[in-house]
Amino acid sequence: MHFSNWQEFLAMGGYAPFVWSAFALTLIILGIVLVTPVLRRRQLLRQLQRLERLREQENTQ
């Protein structure tokens, strides 16, 4: 498909709501897929640090 100007490109031949909503949804899902493991790793590292501190406290008592 060839567009002669930006307005035609953005209109996507009348299918703009479907095309751009699918594009946005894809970007949102990719963002979630990329960010979720990073956040989960941070959470797990904090839990491990907390458990190590508790174990050290038990060993000192």
PDB file of N, CA and C in Angstrom:
ATOM      1  N   MET A   1       0.845  -1.173   0.000  1.00  0.00           N
ATOM      2  CA  MET A   1       0.000   0.000   0.000  1.00  0.00           C
ATOM      3  C   MET A   1       0.894   1.242   0.000  1.00  0.00           C
ATOM      4  N   HIS A   2       0.618   2.151  -0.865  1.00  0.00           N
ATOM      5  CA  HIS A   2       1.433   3.361  -0.983  1.00  0.00           C
ATOM      6  C   HIS A   2       0.564   4.570  -0.646  1.00  0.00           C
ATOM      7  N   PHE A   3       1.072   5.430   0.210  1.00  0.00           N
ATOM      8  CA  PHE A   3       0.335   6.619   0.634  1.00  0.00           C
ATOM      9  C   PHE A   3       1.030   7.855   0.076  1.00  0.00           C
ATOM     10  N   SER A   4       0.234   8.787  -0.414  1.00  0.00           N
ATOM     11  CA  SER A   4       0.833   9.980  -1.020  1.00  0.00           C
ATOM     12  C   SER A   4       1.108  11.078  -0.002  1.00  0.00           C
ATOM     13  N   ASN A   5       0.511  10.992   1.189  1.00  0.00           N
ATOM     14  CA  ASN A   5       0.799  11.987   2.229  1.00  0.00           C
ATOM     15  C   ASN A   5       0.551  11.367   3.607  1.00  0.00           C
ATOM     16  N   TRP A   6       0.913  12.110   4.642  1.00  0.00           N
ATOM     17  CA  TRP A   6       0.806  11.599   6.015  1.00  0.00           C
ATOM     18  C   TRP A   6      -0.643  11.386   6.442  1.00  0.00           C
ATOM     19  N   GLN A   7      -1.547  12.226   5.980  1.00  0.00           N
ATOM     20  CA  GLN A   7      -2.957  12.074   6.361  1.00  0.00           C
ATOM     21  C   GLN A   7      -3.514  10.748   5.861  1.00  0.00           C
ATOM     22  N   GLU A   8      -3.168  10.384   4.647  1.00  0.00           N
ATOM     23  CA  GLU A   8      -3.612   9.086   4.121  1.00  0.00           C
ATOM     24  C   GLU A   8      -2.994   7.944   4.911  1.00  0.00           C
ATOM     25  N   PHE A   9      -1.732   8.123   5.250  1.00  0.00           N
ATOM     26  CA  PHE A   9      -1.069   7.084   6.042  1.00  0.00           C
ATOM     27  C   PHE A   9      -1.757   6.902   7.387  1.00  0.00           C
ATOM     28  N   LEU A  10      -2.036   8.011   8.081  1.00  0.00           N
ATOM     29  CA  LEU A  10      -2.685   7.927   9.386  1.00  0.00           C
ATOM     30  C   LEU A  10      -4.113   7.409   9.295  1.00  0.00           C
ATOM     31  N   ALA A  11      -4.794   7.672   8.192  1.00  0.00           N
ATOM     32  CA  ALA A  11      -6.169   7.196   8.004  1.00  0.00           C
ATOM     33  C   ALA A  11      -6.202   5.710   7.656  1.00  0.00           C
ATOM     34  N   MET A  12      -5.105   5.184   7.138  1.00  0.00           N
ATOM     35  CA  MET A  12      -4.967   3.767   6.785  1.00  0.00           C
ATOM     36  C   MET A  12      -6.118   3.258   5.910  1.00  0.00           C
ATOM     37  N   GLY A  13      -6.497   4.066   4.948  1.00  0.00           N
ATOM     38  CA  GLY A  13      -7.539   3.637   4.017  1.00  0.00           C
ATOM     39  C   GLY A  13      -8.885   3.422   4.681  1.00  0.00           C
ATOM     40  N   GLY A  14      -9.148   4.132   5.774  1.00  0.00           N
ATOM     41  CA  GLY A  14     -10.415   3.988   6.479  1.00  0.00           C
ATOM     42  C   GLY A  14     -10.377   2.978   7.618  1.00  0.00           C
ATOM     43  N   TYR A  15      -9.285   2.290   7.758  1.00  0.00           N
ATOM     44  CA  TYR A  15      -9.157   1.260   8.799  1.00  0.00           C
ATOM     45  C   TYR A  15      -8.318   1.727   9.986  1.00  0.00           C
ATOM     46  N   ALA A  16      -8.120   3.015  10.115  1.00  0.00           N
ATOM     47  CA  ALA A  16      -7.244   3.568  11.147  1.00  0.00           C
ATOM     48  C   ALA A  16      -7.589   3.111  12.560  1.00  0.00           C
ATOM     49  N   PRO A  17      -8.870   3.117  12.975  1.00  0.00           N
ATOM     50  CA  PRO A  17      -9.149   2.690  14.359  1.00  0.00           C
ATOM     51  C   PRO A  17      -8.683   1.263  14.639  1.00  0.00           C
ATOM     52  N   PHE A  18      -8.852   0.372  13.672  1.00  0.00           N
ATOM     53  CA  PHE A  18      -8.440  -1.016  13.868  1.00  0.00           C
ATOM     54  C   PHE A  18      -6.922  -1.159  13.847  1.00  0.00           C
ATOM     55  N   VAL A  19      -6.297  -0.508  12.882  1.00  0.00           N
ATOM     56  CA  VAL A  19      -4.840  -0.615  12.732  1.00  0.00           C
ATOM     57  C   VAL A  19      -4.128  -0.005  13.927  1.00  0.00           C
ATOM     58  N   TRP A  20      -4.487   1.222  14.296  1.00  0.00           N
ATOM     59  CA  TRP A  20      -3.766   1.911  15.359  1.00  0.00           C
ATOM     60  C   TRP A  20      -4.077   1.333  16.737  1.00  0.00           C
ATOM     61  N   SER A  21      -5.294   0.831  16.937  1.00  0.00           N
ATOM     62  CA  SER A  21      -5.579   0.194  18.231  1.00  0.00           C
ATOM     63  C   SER A  21      -4.811  -1.123  18.358  1.00  0.00           C
ATOM     64  N   ALA A  22      -4.688  -1.873  17.258  1.00  0.00           N
ATOM     65  CA  ALA A  22      -3.897  -3.114  17.290  1.00  0.00           C
ATOM     66  C   ALA A  22      -2.424  -2.796  17.534  1.00  0.00           C
ATOM     67  N   PHE A  23      -1.936  -1.751  16.902  1.00  0.00           N
ATOM     68  CA  PHE A  23      -0.547  -1.329  17.087  1.00  0.00           C
ATOM     69  C   PHE A  23      -0.302  -0.919  18.541  1.00  0.00           C
ATOM     70  N   ALA A  24      -1.214  -0.123  19.102  1.00  0.00           N
ATOM     71  CA  ALA A  24      -1.078   0.325  20.495  1.00  0.00           C
ATOM     72  C   ALA A  24      -1.146  -0.859  21.458  1.00  0.00           C
ATOM     73  N   LEU A  25      -2.079  -1.764  21.228  1.00  0.00           N
ATOM     74  CA  LEU A  25      -2.216  -2.935  22.102  1.00  0.00           C
ATOM     75  C   LEU A  25      -0.952  -3.792  22.056  1.00  0.00           C
ATOM     76  N   THR A  26      -0.390  -3.938  20.872  1.00  0.00           N
ATOM     77  CA  THR A  26       0.851  -4.706  20.733  1.00  0.00           C
ATOM     78  C   THR A  26       1.985  -4.062  21.521  1.00  0.00           C
ATOM     79  N   LEU A  27       2.122  -2.745  21.417  1.00  0.00           N
ATOM     80  CA  LEU A  27       3.170  -2.046  22.166  1.00  0.00           C
ATOM     81  C   LEU A  27       2.966  -2.160  23.677  1.00  0.00           C
ATOM     82  N   ILE A  28       1.719  -2.074  24.122  1.00  0.00           N
ATOM     83  CA  ILE A  28       1.425  -2.211  25.554  1.00  0.00           C
ATOM     84  C   ILE A  28       1.801  -3.601  26.045  1.00  0.00           C
ATOM     85  N   ILE A  29       1.412  -4.611  25.298  1.00  0.00           N
ATOM     86  CA  ILE A  29       1.718  -5.991  25.705  1.00  0.00           C
ATOM     87  C   ILE A  29       3.225  -6.234  25.697  1.00  0.00           C
ATOM     88  N   LEU A  30       3.922  -5.749  24.688  1.00  0.00           N
ATOM     89  CA  LEU A  30       5.383  -5.895  24.655  1.00  0.00           C
ATOM     90  C   LEU A  30       6.031  -5.186  25.835  1.00  0.00           C
ATOM     91  N   GLY A  31       5.521  -4.022  26.177  1.00  0.00           N
ATOM     92  CA  GLY A  31       6.038  -3.306  27.344  1.00  0.00           C
ATOM     93  C   GLY A  31       5.861  -4.107  28.614  1.00  0.00           C
ATOM     94  N   ILE A  32       4.686  -4.696  28.776  1.00  0.00           N
ATOM     95  CA  ILE A  32       4.420  -5.521  29.966  1.00  0.00           C
ATOM     96  C   ILE A  32       5.346  -6.727  29.991  1.00  0.00           C
ATOM     97  N   VAL A  33       5.507  -7.371  28.843  1.00  0.00           N
ATOM     98  CA  VAL A  33       6.364  -8.561  28.765  1.00  0.00           C
ATOM     99  C   VAL A  33       7.817  -8.216  29.096  1.00  0.00           C
ATOM    100  N   LEU A  34       8.257  -7.028  28.733  1.00  0.00           N
ATOM    101  CA  LEU A  34       9.644  -6.634  29.007  1.00  0.00           C
ATOM    102  C   LEU A  34       9.845  -6.143  30.436  1.00  0.00           C
ATOM    103  N   VAL A  35       8.858  -5.463  31.025  1.00  0.00           N
ATOM    104  CA  VAL A  35       9.016  -4.850  32.340  1.00  0.00           C
ATOM    105  C   VAL A  35       8.730  -5.835  33.473  1.00  0.00           C
ATOM    106  N   THR A  36       7.788  -6.728  33.288  1.00  0.00           N
ATOM    107  CA  THR A  36       7.387  -7.652  34.358  1.00  0.00           C
ATOM    108  C   THR A  36       8.550  -8.470  34.923  1.00  0.00           C
ATOM    109  N   PRO A  37       9.393  -9.088  34.107  1.00  0.00           N
ATOM    110  CA  PRO A  37      10.511  -9.857  34.685  1.00  0.00           C
ATOM    111  C   PRO A  37      11.476  -8.996  35.500  1.00  0.00           C
ATOM    112  N   VAL A  38      11.697  -7.769  35.076  1.00  0.00           N
ATOM    113  CA  VAL A  38      12.600  -6.880  35.811  1.00  0.00           C
ATOM    114  C   VAL A  38      12.022  -6.583  37.190  1.00  0.00           C
ATOM    115  N   LEU A  39      10.736  -6.261  37.234  1.00  0.00           N
ATOM    116  CA  LEU A  39      10.094  -5.975  38.519  1.00  0.00           C
ATOM    117  C   LEU A  39      10.057  -7.215  39.411  1.00  0.00           C
ATOM    118  N   ARG A  40       9.790  -8.368  38.826  1.00  0.00           N
ATOM    119  CA  ARG A  40       9.749  -9.618  39.597  1.00  0.00           C
ATOM    120  C   ARG A  40      11.135  -9.942  40.172  1.00  0.00           C
ATOM    121  N   ARG A  41      12.177  -9.717  39.376  1.00  0.00           N
ATOM    122  CA  ARG A  41      13.542  -9.969  39.857  1.00  0.00           C
ATOM    123  C   ARG A  41      13.863  -9.091  41.054  1.00  0.00           C
ATOM    124  N   ARG A  42      13.517  -7.808  40.968  1.00  0.00           N
ATOM    125  CA  ARG A  42      13.757  -6.903  42.097  1.00  0.00           C
ATOM    126  C   ARG A  42      13.032  -7.383  43.347  1.00  0.00           C
ATOM    127  N   GLN A  43      11.789  -7.818  43.164  1.00  0.00           N
ATOM    128  CA  GLN A  43      11.005  -8.297  44.298  1.00  0.00           C
ATOM    129  C   GLN A  43      11.654  -9.538  44.914  1.00  0.00           C
ATOM    130  N   LEU A  44      12.084 -10.466  44.079  1.00  0.00           N
ATOM    131  CA  LEU A  44      12.720 -11.683  44.588  1.00  0.00           C
ATOM    132  C   LEU A  44      14.040 -11.380  45.296  1.00  0.00           C
ATOM    133  N   LEU A  45      14.820 -10.448  44.763  1.00  0.00           N
ATOM    134  CA  LEU A  45      16.078 -10.079  45.422  1.00  0.00           C
ATOM    135  C   LEU A  45      15.819  -9.461  46.791  1.00  0.00           C
ATOM    136  N   ARG A  46      14.775  -8.618  46.891  1.00  0.00           N
ATOM    137  CA  ARG A  46      14.429  -8.041  48.197  1.00  0.00           C
ATOM    138  C   ARG A  46      14.010  -9.129  49.179  1.00  0.00           C
ATOM    139  N   GLN A  47      13.233 -10.097  48.698  1.00  0.00           N
ATOM    140  CA  GLN A  47      12.812 -11.196  49.573  1.00  0.00           C
ATOM    141  C   GLN A  47      14.012 -12.006  50.044  1.00  0.00           C
ATOM    142  N   LEU A  48      14.950 -12.260  49.156  1.00  0.00           N
ATOM    143  CA  LEU A  48      16.148 -13.009  49.538  1.00  0.00           C
ATOM    144  C   LEU A  48      16.974 -12.256  50.574  1.00  0.00           C
ATOM    145  N   GLN A  49      17.108 -10.956  50.395  1.00  0.00           N
ATOM    146  CA  GLN A  49      17.847 -10.156  51.370  1.00  0.00           C
ATOM    147  C   GLN A  49      17.159 -10.200  52.730  1.00  0.00           C
ATOM    148  N   ARG A  50      15.843 -10.122  52.727  1.00  0.00           N
ATOM    149  CA  ARG A  50      15.086 -10.176  53.972  1.00  0.00           C
ATOM    150  C   ARG A  50      15.281 -11.529  54.666  1.00  0.00           C
ATOM    151  N   LEU A  51      15.240 -12.602  53.883  1.00  0.00           N
ATOM    152  CA  LEU A  51      15.436 -13.940  54.451  1.00  0.00           C
ATOM    153  C   LEU A  51      16.858 -14.109  54.997  1.00  0.00           C
ATOM    154  N   GLU A  52      17.836 -13.570  54.298  1.00  0.00           N
ATOM    155  CA  GLU A  52      19.220 -13.654  54.779  1.00  0.00           C
ATOM    156  C   GLU A  52      19.384 -12.912  56.102  1.00  0.00           C
ATOM    157  N   ARG A  53      18.758 -11.731  56.201  1.00  0.00           N
ATOM    158  CA  ARG A  53      18.822 -10.983  57.459  1.00  0.00           C
ATOM    159  C   ARG A  53      18.176 -11.754  58.596  1.00  0.00           C
ATOM    160  N   LEU A  54      17.036 -12.371  58.325  1.00  0.00           N
ATOM    161  CA  LEU A  54      16.364 -13.170  59.359  1.00  0.00           C
ATOM    162  C   LEU A  54      17.218 -14.362  59.772  1.00  0.00           C
ATOM    163  N   ARG A  55      17.853 -15.002  58.818  1.00  0.00           N
ATOM    164  CA  ARG A  55      18.712 -16.164  59.111  1.00  0.00           C
ATOM    165  C   ARG A  55      19.910 -15.733  59.943  1.00  0.00           C
ATOM    166  N   GLU A  56      20.491 -14.576  59.631  1.00  0.00           N
ATOM    167  CA  GLU A  56      21.622 -14.066  60.404  1.00  0.00           C
ATOM    168  C   GLU A  56      21.195 -13.744  61.824  1.00  0.00           C
ATOM    169  N   GLN A  57      20.007 -13.185  61.985  1.00  0.00           N
ATOM    170  CA  GLN A  57      19.501 -12.854  63.321  1.00  0.00           C
ATOM    171  C   GLN A  57      19.281 -14.125  64.126  1.00  0.00           C
ATOM    172  N   GLU A  58      18.779 -15.169  63.500  1.00  0.00           N
ATOM    173  CA  GLU A  58      18.568 -16.438  64.197  1.00  0.00           C
ATOM    174  C   GLU A  58      19.894 -17.064  64.614  1.00  0.00           C
ATOM    175  N   ASN A  59      20.902 -16.939  63.769  1.00  0.00           N
ATOM    176  CA  ASN A  59      22.204 -17.526  64.075  1.00  0.00           C
ATOM    177  C   ASN A  59      22.917 -16.769  65.204  1.00  0.00           C
ATOM    178  N   THR A  60      22.660 -15.486  65.347  1.00  0.00           N
ATOM    179  CA  THR A  60      23.317 -14.708  66.396  1.00  0.00           C
ATOM    180  C   THR A  60      22.640 -14.903  67.746  1.00  0.00           C
ATOM    181  N   GLN A  61      21.423 -15.367  67.757  1.00  0.00           N
ATOM    182  CA  GLN A  61      20.709 -15.517  69.031  1.00  0.00           C
ATOM    183  C   GLN A  61      20.970 -16.829  69.695  1.00  0.00           C
TER     184      GLN A  61
END
